[in-house]
């Protein structure tokens, strides 16, 4: 979606709807998570990063990869990876305790 100018109206609509759904899902996770636990927001952040990547809606053989990602996408993906690691670590520590 970072190549907004080159997208069709349908692609723009699908991208915006996808990002809104991911943000609503993250909000629902934060409100429904038991206090003291970390909400599992890593995967929605990864989905937002994929939706923001210019290669996601490009025609042809353009791939969605870290190497070709803009800085904003890399930051969102890094936050998603960090959130996934924190969530998994917290779950494992609760399981072993």
PDB file of N, CA and C in Angstrom:
ATOM      1  N   UNK A   1       0.808  -1.187   0.000  1.00  0.00           N
ATOM      2  CA  UNK A   1       0.000   0.000   0.000  1.00  0.00           C
ATOM      3  C   UNK A   1       0.853   1.252   0.000  1.00  0.00           C
ATOM      4  N   UNK A   2       2.142   1.070   0.165  1.00  0.00           N
ATOM      5  CA  UNK A   2       2.993   2.246   0.117  1.00  0.00           C
ATOM      6  C   UNK A   2       3.178   2.743  -1.315  1.00  0.00           C
ATOM      7  N   UNK A   3       2.721   1.976  -2.297  1.00  0.00           N
ATOM      8  CA  UNK A   3       2.695   2.448  -3.678  1.00  0.00           C
ATOM      9  C   UNK A   3       1.254   2.811  -4.039  1.00  0.00           C
ATOM     10  N   UNK A   4       0.627   3.612  -3.196  1.00  0.00           N
ATOM     11  CA  UNK A   4      -0.782   3.981  -3.268  1.00  0.00           C
ATOM     12  C   UNK A   4      -1.175   4.532  -4.634  1.00  0.00           C
ATOM     13  N   UNK A   5      -0.327   5.279  -5.270  1.00  0.00           N
ATOM     14  CA  UNK A   5      -0.632   5.926  -6.546  1.00  0.00           C
ATOM     15  C   UNK A   5      -0.865   4.891  -7.643  1.00  0.00           C
ATOM     16  N   UNK A   6      -0.162   3.778  -7.586  1.00  0.00           N
ATOM     17  CA  UNK A   6      -0.223   2.782  -8.646  1.00  0.00           C
ATOM     18  C   UNK A   6      -1.282   1.706  -8.422  1.00  0.00           C
ATOM     19  N   UNK A   7      -2.033   1.777  -7.323  1.00  0.00           N
ATOM     20  CA  UNK A   7      -3.026   0.760  -7.032  1.00  0.00           C
ATOM     21  C   UNK A   7      -4.372   1.088  -7.666  1.00  0.00           C
ATOM     22  N   UNK A   8      -5.131   0.043  -7.977  1.00  0.00           N
ATOM     23  CA  UNK A   8      -6.495   0.244  -8.463  1.00  0.00           C
ATOM     24  C   UNK A   8      -7.397   0.530  -7.267  1.00  0.00           C
ATOM     25  N   UNK A   9      -8.611   0.969  -7.552  1.00  0.00           N
ATOM     26  CA  UNK A   9      -9.550   1.280  -6.478  1.00  0.00           C
ATOM     27  C   UNK A   9      -9.863   0.038  -5.640  1.00  0.00           C
ATOM     28  N   UNK A  10      -9.980  -1.107  -6.285  1.00  0.00           N
ATOM     29  CA  UNK A  10     -10.267  -2.344  -5.560  1.00  0.00           C
ATOM     30  C   UNK A  10      -9.096  -2.729  -4.642  1.00  0.00           C
ATOM     31  N   UNK A  11      -7.877  -2.575  -5.115  1.00  0.00           N
ATOM     32  CA  UNK A  11      -6.711  -2.882  -4.298  1.00  0.00           C
ATOM     33  C   UNK A  11      -6.615  -1.931  -3.100  1.00  0.00           C
ATOM     34  N   UNK A  12      -6.915  -0.656  -3.341  1.00  0.00           N
ATOM     35  CA  UNK A  12      -6.897   0.309  -2.244  1.00  0.00           C
ATOM     36  C   UNK A  12      -7.936  -0.063  -1.194  1.00  0.00           C
ATOM     37  N   UNK A  13      -9.127  -0.414  -1.635  1.00  0.00           N
ATOM     38  CA  UNK A  13     -10.201  -0.779  -0.720  1.00  0.00           C
ATOM     39  C   UNK A  13      -9.848  -2.033   0.077  1.00  0.00           C
ATOM     40  N   UNK A  14      -9.336  -3.049  -0.601  1.00  0.00           N
ATOM     41  CA  UNK A  14      -8.952  -4.282   0.089  1.00  0.00           C
ATOM     42  C   UNK A  14      -7.825  -4.033   1.093  1.00  0.00           C
ATOM     43  N   UNK A  15      -6.872  -3.223   0.738  1.00  0.00           N
ATOM     44  CA  UNK A  15      -5.775  -2.913   1.642  1.00  0.00           C
ATOM     45  C   UNK A  15      -6.235  -2.154   2.873  1.00  0.00           C
ATOM     46  N   UNK A  16      -7.079  -1.159   2.678  1.00  0.00           N
ATOM     47  CA  UNK A  16      -7.580  -0.384   3.807  1.00  0.00           C
ATOM     48  C   UNK A  16      -8.458  -1.251   4.709  1.00  0.00           C
ATOM     49  N   UNK A  17      -9.314  -2.071   4.114  1.00  0.00           N
ATOM     50  CA  UNK A  17     -10.161  -2.970   4.905  1.00  0.00           C
ATOM     51  C   UNK A  17      -9.297  -3.969   5.686  1.00  0.00           C
ATOM     52  N   UNK A  18      -8.261  -4.489   5.065  1.00  0.00           N
ATOM     53  CA  UNK A  18      -7.365  -5.417   5.745  1.00  0.00           C
ATOM     54  C   UNK A  18      -6.666  -4.779   6.931  1.00  0.00           C
ATOM     55  N   UNK A  19      -6.164  -3.570   6.751  1.00  0.00           N
ATOM     56  CA  UNK A  19      -5.481  -2.877   7.844  1.00  0.00           C
ATOM     57  C   UNK A  19      -6.466  -2.553   8.964  1.00  0.00           C
ATOM     58  N   UNK A  20      -7.677  -2.127   8.615  1.00  0.00           N
ATOM     59  CA  UNK A  20      -8.687  -1.830   9.640  1.00  0.00           C
ATOM     60  C   UNK A  20      -9.045  -3.096  10.415  1.00  0.00           C
ATOM     61  N   UNK A  21      -9.199  -4.225   9.716  1.00  0.00           N
ATOM     62  CA  UNK A  21      -9.502  -5.479  10.400  1.00  0.00           C
ATOM     63  C   UNK A  21      -8.373  -5.883  11.347  1.00  0.00           C
ATOM     64  N   UNK A  22      -7.131  -5.735  10.907  1.00  0.00           N
ATOM     65  CA  UNK A  22      -5.993  -6.070  11.763  1.00  0.00           C
ATOM     66  C   UNK A  22      -5.942  -5.170  13.000  1.00  0.00           C
ATOM     67  N   UNK A  23      -6.188  -3.873  12.815  1.00  0.00           N
ATOM     68  CA  UNK A  23      -6.168  -2.955  13.949  1.00  0.00           C
ATOM     69  C   UNK A  23      -7.311  -3.243  14.915  1.00  0.00           C
ATOM     70  N   UNK A  24      -8.497  -3.574  14.393  1.00  0.00           N
ATOM     71  CA  UNK A  24      -9.623  -3.953  15.262  1.00  0.00           C
ATOM     72  C   UNK A  24      -9.313  -5.237  16.017  1.00  0.00           C
ATOM     73  N   UNK A  25      -8.650  -6.181  15.347  1.00  0.00           N
ATOM     74  CA  UNK A  25      -8.266  -7.431  15.992  1.00  0.00           C
ATOM     75  C   UNK A  25      -7.259  -7.177  17.110  1.00  0.00           C
ATOM     76  N   UNK A  26      -6.297  -6.293  16.871  1.00  0.00           N
ATOM     77  CA  UNK A  26      -5.317  -5.947  17.904  1.00  0.00           C
ATOM     78  C   UNK A  26      -6.021  -5.287  19.088  1.00  0.00           C
ATOM     79  N   UNK A  27      -6.957  -4.383  18.816  1.00  0.00           N
ATOM     80  CA  UNK A  27      -7.709  -3.736  19.887  1.00  0.00           C
ATOM     81  C   UNK A  27      -8.512  -4.762  20.682  1.00  0.00           C
ATOM     82  N   UNK A  28      -9.148  -5.695  19.992  1.00  0.00           N
ATOM     83  CA  UNK A  28      -9.906  -6.745  20.679  1.00  0.00           C
ATOM     84  C   UNK A  28      -8.994  -7.623  21.527  1.00  0.00           C
ATOM     85  N   UNK A  29      -7.799  -7.913  21.035  1.00  0.00           N
ATOM     86  CA  UNK A  29      -6.856  -8.715  21.820  1.00  0.00           C
ATOM     87  C   UNK A  29      -6.433  -7.990  23.096  1.00  0.00           C
ATOM     88  N   UNK A  30      -6.210  -6.683  22.991  1.00  0.00           N
ATOM     89  CA  UNK A  30      -5.804  -5.926  24.168  1.00  0.00           C
ATOM     90  C   UNK A  30      -6.933  -5.845  25.189  1.00  0.00           C
ATOM     91  N   UNK A  31      -8.169  -5.721  24.735  1.00  0.00           N
ATOM     92  CA  UNK A  31      -9.277  -5.594  25.681  1.00  0.00           C
ATOM     93  C   UNK A  31      -9.696  -6.933  26.273  1.00  0.00           C
ATOM     94  N   UNK A  32      -9.466  -8.037  25.574  1.00  0.00           N
ATOM     95  CA  UNK A  32      -9.925  -9.333  26.075  1.00  0.00           C
ATOM     96  C   UNK A  32      -8.839 -10.156  26.752  1.00  0.00           C
ATOM     97  N   UNK A  33      -7.596  -9.719  26.724  1.00  0.00           N
ATOM     98  CA  UNK A  33      -6.515 -10.467  27.345  1.00  0.00           C
ATOM     99  C   UNK A  33      -6.570 -10.300  28.853  1.00  0.00           C
ATOM    100  N   UNK A  34      -6.363 -11.394  29.547  1.00  0.00           N
ATOM    101  CA  UNK A  34      -6.355 -11.383  31.006  1.00  0.00           C
ATOM    102  C   UNK A  34      -5.217 -10.489  31.483  1.00  0.00           C
ATOM    103  N   UNK A  35      -5.462  -9.654  32.506  1.00  0.00           N
ATOM    104  CA  UNK A  35      -4.371  -8.818  33.037  1.00  0.00           C
ATOM    105  C   UNK A  35      -3.206  -9.690  33.512  1.00  0.00           C
ATOM    106  N   UNK A  36      -2.018  -9.241  33.220  1.00  0.00           N
ATOM    107  CA  UNK A  36      -0.818  -9.986  33.583  1.00  0.00           C
ATOM    108  C   UNK A  36      -0.294 -10.859  32.457  1.00  0.00           C
ATOM    109  N   UNK A  37      -1.035 -10.978  31.390  1.00  0.00           N
ATOM    110  CA  UNK A  37      -0.582 -11.759  30.234  1.00  0.00           C
ATOM    111  C   UNK A  37      -0.334 -10.823  29.064  1.00  0.00           C
ATOM    112  N   UNK A  38       0.515 -11.260  28.167  1.00  0.00           N
ATOM    113  CA  UNK A  38       0.808 -10.450  26.982  1.00  0.00           C
ATOM    114  C   UNK A  38      -0.153 -10.824  25.864  1.00  0.00           C
ATOM    115  N   UNK A  39      -0.775  -9.834  25.222  1.00  0.00           N
ATOM    116  CA  UNK A  39      -1.673 -10.152  24.112  1.00  0.00           C
ATOM    117  C   UNK A  39      -0.885 -10.629  22.897  1.00  0.00           C
ATOM    118  N   UNK A  40      -1.401 -11.609  22.164  1.00  0.00           N
ATOM    119  CA  UNK A  40      -0.686 -12.142  20.997  1.00  0.00           C
ATOM    120  C   UNK A  40      -0.884 -11.260  19.763  1.00  0.00           C
ATOM    121  N   UNK A  41      -0.180 -10.135  19.721  1.00  0.00           N
ATOM    122  CA  UNK A  41      -0.379  -9.194  18.618  1.00  0.00           C
ATOM    123  C   UNK A  41       0.666  -9.330  17.521  1.00  0.00           C
ATOM    124  N   UNK A  42       1.540 -10.308  17.612  1.00  0.00           N
ATOM    125  CA  UNK A  42       2.614 -10.451  16.629  1.00  0.00           C
ATOM    126  C   UNK A  42       2.106 -10.742  15.226  1.00  0.00           C
ATOM    127  N   UNK A  43       1.197 -11.696  15.095  1.00  0.00           N
ATOM    128  CA  UNK A  43       0.696 -12.051  13.764  1.00  0.00           C
ATOM    129  C   UNK A  43      -0.104 -10.921  13.106  1.00  0.00           C
ATOM    130  N   UNK A  44      -0.983 -10.205  13.840  1.00  0.00           N
ATOM    131  CA  UNK A  44      -1.635  -9.061  13.187  1.00  0.00           C
ATOM    132  C   UNK A  44      -0.645  -7.996  12.726  1.00  0.00           C
ATOM    133  N   UNK A  45       0.426  -7.775  13.490  1.00  0.00           N
ATOM    134  CA  UNK A  45       1.440  -6.814  13.055  1.00  0.00           C
ATOM    135  C   UNK A  45       2.152  -7.292  11.797  1.00  0.00           C
ATOM    136  N   UNK A  46       2.407  -8.591  11.713  1.00  0.00           N
ATOM    137  CA  UNK A  46       3.030  -9.128  10.499  1.00  0.00           C
ATOM    138  C   UNK A  46       2.098  -8.954   9.299  1.00  0.00           C
ATOM    139  N   UNK A  47       0.794  -9.139   9.513  1.00  0.00           N
ATOM    140  CA  UNK A  47      -0.176  -8.952   8.433  1.00  0.00           C
ATOM    141  C   UNK A  47      -0.232  -7.497   7.988  1.00  0.00           C
ATOM    142  N   UNK A  48      -0.173  -6.571   8.937  1.00  0.00           N
ATOM    143  CA  UNK A  48      -0.163  -5.146   8.582  1.00  0.00           C
ATOM    144  C   UNK A  48       1.096  -4.829   7.775  1.00  0.00           C
ATOM    145  N   UNK A  49       2.232  -5.367   8.186  1.00  0.00           N
ATOM    146  CA  UNK A  49       3.475  -5.154   7.432  1.00  0.00           C
ATOM    147  C   UNK A  49       3.366  -5.692   6.019  1.00  0.00           C
ATOM    148  N   UNK A  50       2.735  -6.862   5.865  1.00  0.00           N
ATOM    149  CA  UNK A  50       2.551  -7.427   4.523  1.00  0.00           C
ATOM    150  C   UNK A  50       1.630  -6.538   3.692  1.00  0.00           C
ATOM    151  N   UNK A  51       0.564  -6.028   4.294  1.00  0.00           N
ATOM    152  CA  UNK A  51      -0.351  -5.160   3.551  1.00  0.00           C
ATOM    153  C   UNK A  51       0.303  -3.836   3.161  1.00  0.00           C
ATOM    154  N   UNK A  52       1.244  -3.369   3.948  1.00  0.00           N
ATOM    155  CA  UNK A  52       1.934  -2.109   3.632  1.00  0.00           C
ATOM    156  C   UNK A  52       3.047  -2.277   2.609  1.00  0.00           C
ATOM    157  N   UNK A  53       3.505  -3.485   2.402  1.00  0.00           N
ATOM    158  CA  UNK A  53       4.620  -3.721   1.478  1.00  0.00           C
ATOM    159  C   UNK A  53       4.195  -3.406   0.038  1.00  0.00           C
ATOM    160  N   UNK A  54       5.019  -2.663  -0.703  1.00  0.00           N
ATOM    161  CA  UNK A  54       4.661  -2.309  -2.088  1.00  0.00           C
ATOM    162  C   UNK A  54       4.513  -3.521  -3.002  1.00  0.00           C
ATOM    163  N   UNK A  55       5.159  -4.623  -2.691  1.00  0.00           N
ATOM    164  CA  UNK A  55       5.076  -5.798  -3.548  1.00  0.00           C
ATOM    165  C   UNK A  55       3.834  -6.640  -3.318  1.00  0.00           C
ATOM    166  N   UNK A  56       3.059  -6.339  -2.290  1.00  0.00           N
ATOM    167  CA  UNK A  56       1.894  -7.157  -1.968  1.00  0.00           C
ATOM    168  C   UNK A  56       0.821  -7.092  -3.044  1.00  0.00           C
ATOM    169  N   UNK A  57       0.628  -5.940  -3.630  1.00  0.00           N
ATOM    170  CA  UNK A  57      -0.412  -5.778  -4.629  1.00  0.00           C
ATOM    171  C   UNK A  57       0.139  -5.552  -6.030  1.00  0.00           C
ATOM    172  N   UNK A  58       1.443  -5.685  -6.183  1.00  0.00           N
ATOM    173  CA  UNK A  58       2.054  -5.461  -7.492  1.00  0.00           C
ATOM    174  C   UNK A  58       1.819  -6.664  -8.397  1.00  0.00           C
ATOM    175  N   UNK A  59       1.578  -6.388  -9.656  1.00  0.00           N
ATOM    176  CA  UNK A  59       1.410  -7.471 -10.622  1.00  0.00           C
ATOM    177  C   UNK A  59       2.778  -7.970 -11.056  1.00  0.00           C
ATOM    178  N   UNK A  60       2.828  -9.188 -11.475  1.00  0.00           N
ATOM    179  CA  UNK A  60       4.084  -9.752 -11.937  1.00  0.00           C
ATOM    180  C   UNK A  60       4.722 -10.613 -10.873  1.00  0.00           C
ATOM    181  N   UNK A  61       6.023 -10.776 -10.984  1.00  0.00           N
ATOM    182  CA  UNK A  61       6.747 -11.686 -10.101  1.00  0.00           C
ATOM    183  C   UNK A  61       7.432 -10.960  -8.950  1.00  0.00           C
ATOM    184  N   UNK A  62       6.944  -9.800  -8.583  1.00  0.00           N
ATOM    185  CA  UNK A  62       7.552  -9.059  -7.485  1.00  0.00           C
ATOM    186  C   UNK A  62       7.198  -9.737  -6.171  1.00  0.00           C
ATOM    187  N   UNK A  63       8.179  -9.980  -5.342  1.00  0.00           N
ATOM    188  CA  UNK A  63       7.948 -10.706  -4.098  1.00  0.00           C
ATOM    189  C   UNK A  63       7.887  -9.741  -2.920  1.00  0.00           C
ATOM    190  N   UNK A  64       7.271 -10.230  -1.855  1.00  0.00           N
ATOM    191  CA  UNK A  64       7.240  -9.496  -0.600  1.00  0.00           C
ATOM    192  C   UNK A  64       8.391 -10.027   0.240  1.00  0.00           C
ATOM    193  N   UNK A  65       9.473  -9.254   0.308  1.00  0.00           N
ATOM    194  CA  UNK A  65      10.669  -9.711   1.018  1.00  0.00           C
ATOM    195  C   UNK A  65      11.227  -8.589   1.875  1.00  0.00           C
ATOM    196  N   UNK A  66      12.026  -8.975   2.844  1.00  0.00           N
ATOM    197  CA  UNK A  66      12.662  -8.003   3.732  1.00  0.00           C
ATOM    198  C   UNK A  66      13.572  -7.078   2.947  1.00  0.00           C
ATOM    199  N   UNK A  67      14.300  -7.635   1.993  1.00  0.00           N
ATOM    200  CA  UNK A  67      15.299  -6.871   1.239  1.00  0.00           C
ATOM    201  C   UNK A  67      14.674  -5.706   0.484  1.00  0.00           C
ATOM    202  N   UNK A  68      13.492  -5.886  -0.084  1.00  0.00           N
ATOM    203  CA  UNK A  68      12.869  -4.827  -0.862  1.00  0.00           C
ATOM    204  C   UNK A  68      11.853  -4.006  -0.098  1.00  0.00           C
ATOM    205  N   UNK A  69      11.783  -4.207   1.216  1.00  0.00           N
ATOM    206  CA  UNK A  69      10.777  -3.511   2.015  1.00  0.00           C
ATOM    207  C   UNK A  69      11.235  -2.112   2.405  1.00  0.00           C
ATOM    208  N   UNK A  70      10.297  -1.158   2.416  1.00  0.00           N
ATOM    209  CA  UNK A  70      10.629   0.177   2.926  1.00  0.00           C
ATOM    210  C   UNK A  70      10.852   0.132   4.441  1.00  0.00           C
ATOM    211  N   UNK A  71      11.393   1.197   4.992  1.00  0.00           N
ATOM    212  CA  UNK A  71      11.731   1.247   6.413  1.00  0.00           C
ATOM    213  C   UNK A  71      10.494   1.050   7.290  1.00  0.00           C
ATOM    214  N   UNK A  72       9.362   1.635   6.927  1.00  0.00           N
ATOM    215  CA  UNK A  72       8.142   1.493   7.720  1.00  0.00           C
ATOM    216  C   UNK A  72       7.722   0.031   7.837  1.00  0.00           C
ATOM    217  N   UNK A  73       7.794  -0.702   6.751  1.00  0.00           N
ATOM    218  CA  UNK A  73       7.430  -2.116   6.752  1.00  0.00           C
ATOM    219  C   UNK A  73       8.408  -2.908   7.619  1.00  0.00           C
ATOM    220  N   UNK A  74       9.694  -2.589   7.522  1.00  0.00           N
ATOM    221  CA  UNK A  74      10.687  -3.279   8.347  1.00  0.00           C
ATOM    222  C   UNK A  74      10.447  -3.022   9.835  1.00  0.00           C
ATOM    223  N   UNK A  75      10.063  -1.807  10.184  1.00  0.00           N
ATOM    224  CA  UNK A  75       9.787  -1.481  11.583  1.00  0.00           C
ATOM    225  C   UNK A  75       8.564  -2.257  12.077  1.00  0.00           C
ATOM    226  N   UNK A  76       7.506  -2.327  11.262  1.00  0.00           N
ATOM    227  CA  UNK A  76       6.299  -3.062  11.648  1.00  0.00           C
ATOM    228  C   UNK A  76       6.613  -4.546  11.774  1.00  0.00           C
ATOM    229  N   UNK A  77       7.371  -5.088  10.841  1.00  0.00           N
ATOM    230  CA  UNK A  77       7.750  -6.503  10.915  1.00  0.00           C
ATOM    231  C   UNK A  77       8.631  -6.773  12.132  1.00  0.00           C
ATOM    232  N   UNK A  78       9.566  -5.880  12.424  1.00  0.00           N
ATOM    233  CA  UNK A  78      10.421  -6.063  13.602  1.00  0.00           C
ATOM    234  C   UNK A  78       9.584  -6.025  14.884  1.00  0.00           C
ATOM    235  N   UNK A  79       8.613  -5.131  14.936  1.00  0.00           N
ATOM    236  CA  UNK A  79       7.718  -5.082  16.099  1.00  0.00           C
ATOM    237  C   UNK A  79       6.900  -6.366  16.204  1.00  0.00           C
ATOM    238  N   UNK A  80       6.446  -6.888  15.079  1.00  0.00           N
ATOM    239  CA  UNK A  80       5.702  -8.146  15.080  1.00  0.00           C
ATOM    240  C   UNK A  80       6.542  -9.316  15.539  1.00  0.00           C
ATOM    241  N   UNK A  81       7.781  -9.382  15.070  1.00  0.00           N
ATOM    242  CA  UNK A  81       8.687 -10.458  15.487  1.00  0.00           C
ATOM    243  C   UNK A  81       8.980 -10.352  16.981  1.00  0.00           C
ATOM    244  N   UNK A  82       9.209  -9.134  17.459  1.00  0.00           N
ATOM    245  CA  UNK A  82       9.455  -8.930  18.879  1.00  0.00           C
ATOM    246  C   UNK A  82       8.238  -9.325  19.710  1.00  0.00           C
ATOM    247  N   UNK A  83       7.058  -8.935  19.257  1.00  0.00           N
ATOM    248  CA  UNK A  83       5.831  -9.298  19.982  1.00  0.00           C
ATOM    249  C   UNK A  83       5.628 -10.805  19.992  1.00  0.00           C
ATOM    250  N   UNK A  84       5.923 -11.473  18.881  1.00  0.00           N
ATOM    251  CA  UNK A  84       5.821 -12.934  18.848  1.00  0.00           C
ATOM    252  C   UNK A  84       6.792 -13.575  19.833  1.00  0.00           C
ATOM    253  N   UNK A  85       8.024 -13.095  19.864  1.00  0.00           N
ATOM    254  CA  UNK A  85       9.014 -13.651  20.786  1.00  0.00           C
ATOM    255  C   UNK A  85       8.628 -13.429  22.247  1.00  0.00           C
ATOM    256  N   UNK A  86       8.121 -12.244  22.559  1.00  0.00           N
ATOM    257  CA  UNK A  86       7.703 -11.955  23.932  1.00  0.00           C
ATOM    258  C   UNK A  86       6.537 -12.852  24.325  1.00  0.00           C
ATOM    259  N   UNK A  87       5.581 -13.008  23.432  1.00  0.00           N
ATOM    260  CA  UNK A  87       4.416 -13.836  23.716  1.00  0.00           C
ATOM    261  C   UNK A  87       4.807 -15.302  23.925  1.00  0.00           C
ATOM    262  N   UNK A  88       5.657 -15.813  23.057  1.00  0.00           N
ATOM    263  CA  UNK A  88       6.093 -17.208  23.182  1.00  0.00           C
ATOM    264  C   UNK A  88       6.923 -17.408  24.444  1.00  0.00           C
ATOM    265  N   UNK A  89       7.818 -16.481  24.731  1.00  0.00           N
ATOM    266  CA  UNK A  89       8.645 -16.585  25.928  1.00  0.00           C
ATOM    267  C   UNK A  89       7.790 -16.545  27.192  1.00  0.00           C
ATOM    268  N   UNK A  90       6.800 -15.650  27.221  1.00  0.00           N
ATOM    269  CA  UNK A  90       5.920 -15.567  28.386  1.00  0.00           C
ATOM    270  C   UNK A  90       5.110 -16.851  28.546  1.00  0.00           C
ATOM    271  N   UNK A  91       4.639 -17.402  27.449  1.00  0.00           N
ATOM    272  CA  UNK A  91       3.876 -18.651  27.512  1.00  0.00           C
ATOM    273  C   UNK A  91       4.715 -19.817  27.984  1.00  0.00           C
ATOM    274  N   UNK A  92       5.936 -19.914  27.498  1.00  0.00           N
ATOM    275  CA  UNK A  92       6.830 -20.990  27.930  1.00  0.00           C
ATOM    276  C   UNK A  92       7.195 -20.837  29.395  1.00  0.00           C
ATOM    277  N   UNK A  93       7.448 -19.609  29.836  1.00  0.00           N
ATOM    278  CA  UNK A  93       7.801 -19.391  31.241  1.00  0.00           C
ATOM    279  C   UNK A  93       6.618 -19.718  32.154  1.00  0.00           C
ATOM    280  N   UNK A  94       5.394 -19.415  31.731  1.00  0.00           N
ATOM    281  CA  UNK A  94       4.210 -19.793  32.522  1.00  0.00           C
ATOM    282  C   UNK A  94       4.051 -21.314  32.553  1.00  0.00           C
ATOM    283  N   UNK A  95       4.374 -21.959  31.447  1.00  0.00           N
ATOM    284  CA  UNK A  95       4.231 -23.396  31.377  1.00  0.00           C
ATOM    285  C   UNK A  95       5.260 -24.108  32.265  1.00  0.00           C
ATOM    286  N   UNK A  96       6.471 -23.567  32.336  1.00  0.00           N
ATOM    287  CA  UNK A  96       7.516 -24.190  33.119  1.00  0.00           C
ATOM    288  C   UNK A  96       7.443 -23.824  34.603  1.00  0.00           C
ATOM    289  N   UNK A  97       6.698 -22.789  34.937  1.00  0.00           N
ATOM    290  CA  UNK A  97       6.612 -22.363  36.342  1.00  0.00           C
ATOM    291  C   UNK A  97       5.698 -23.227  37.164  1.00  0.00           C
TER     292      UNK A  97
END
